[in-house]
Amino acid sequence: MNAEKGLGLSRNEVTRAAALMEKRCEGWSQEDAEAYCLQYWDETGELAIRRVQKERNAANAARRVAA
């Protein structure tokens, strides 16, 4: 990424940054991240899903009535 973006960082700087990031994230666990994502409630997403489901149900009902 350093070469792709042209950041100009030396190999030593990249290694130190990676080690620092690893040390900071040491206590994090995958389970905590999954729990956060599963418990996060997004009103916009919920409304979008309801709207799509309502449209699908209306289309299915119209198809059943027409048949």
Protein backbone atom coordinates (compact mmCIF):
# COMPACT_ATOMS: atom_id res chain seq x y z
CA MET A 1 0.00 0.00 0.00
CA ASN A 2 2.90 2.28 0.77
CA ALA A 3 4.21 1.88 -2.78
CA GLU A 4 0.74 2.06 -4.37
CA LYS A 5 -0.22 5.29 -2.61
CA GLY A 6 3.25 6.80 -2.82
CA LEU A 7 3.41 7.55 0.90
CA GLY A 8 7.20 7.48 0.96
CA LEU A 9 7.52 5.57 4.22
CA SER A 10 10.63 3.53 4.89
CA ARG A 11 10.43 -0.19 5.64
CA ASN A 12 11.42 0.55 9.25
CA GLU A 13 8.60 3.10 9.67
CA VAL A 14 6.04 0.66 8.29
CA THR A 15 7.30 -2.10 10.59
CA ARG A 16 7.10 0.19 13.65
CA ALA A 17 3.60 1.35 12.71
CA ALA A 18 2.44 -2.27 12.29
CA ALA A 19 3.93 -3.23 15.67
CA LEU A 20 2.22 -0.27 17.36
CA MET A 21 -1.12 -1.14 15.78
CA GLU A 22 -0.75 -4.78 16.84
CA LYS A 23 -0.01 -3.69 20.43
CA ARG A 24 -3.02 -1.34 20.50
CA CYS A 25 -5.40 -3.99 19.16
CA GLU A 26 -4.04 -6.80 21.34
CA GLY A 27 -7.03 -6.82 23.71
CA TRP A 28 -9.64 -6.75 20.97
CA SER A 29 -11.35 -9.97 20.12
CA GLN A 30 -13.42 -11.10 17.16
CA GLU A 31 -16.35 -11.92 19.44
CA ASP A 32 -16.50 -8.34 20.71
CA ALA A 33 -16.60 -6.96 17.18
CA GLU A 34 -19.32 -9.42 16.14
CA ALA A 35 -21.39 -8.65 19.23
CA TYR A 36 -21.17 -4.93 18.53
CA CYS A 37 -22.27 -5.40 14.93
CA LEU A 38 -25.12 -7.71 15.86
CA GLN A 39 -26.37 -5.42 18.64
CA TYR A 40 -26.07 -2.20 16.62
CA TRP A 41 -29.45 -0.91 15.53
CA ASP A 42 -29.63 1.36 12.52
CA GLU A 43 -33.03 3.00 12.05
CA THR A 44 -32.30 3.83 8.42
CA GLY A 45 -31.44 0.23 7.62
CA GLU A 46 -34.48 -1.08 9.46
CA LEU A 47 -36.77 1.32 7.59
CA ALA A 48 -35.21 0.38 4.25
CA ILE A 49 -35.75 -3.32 4.93
CA ARG A 50 -39.37 -2.73 5.95
CA ARG A 51 -39.97 -0.71 2.77
CA VAL A 52 -38.51 -3.44 0.54
CA GLN A 53 -40.48 -6.15 2.33
CA LYS A 54 -43.68 -4.12 1.97
CA GLU A 55 -43.08 -3.72 -1.78
CA ARG A 56 -42.37 -7.44 -2.18
CA ASN A 57 -45.50 -8.37 -0.23
CA ALA A 58 -47.62 -6.01 -2.34
CA ALA A 59 -46.18 -7.47 -5.56
CA ASN A 60 -46.82 -11.02 -4.36
CA ALA A 61 -50.38 -10.15 -3.33
CA ALA A 62 -51.07 -8.54 -6.74
CA ARG A 63 -49.66 -11.62 -8.48
CA ARG A 64 -51.88 -13.94 -6.40
CA VAL A 65 -55.00 -11.84 -7.09
CA ALA A 66 -54.27 -11.74 -10.83
CA ALA A 67 -53.82 -15.52 -11.03
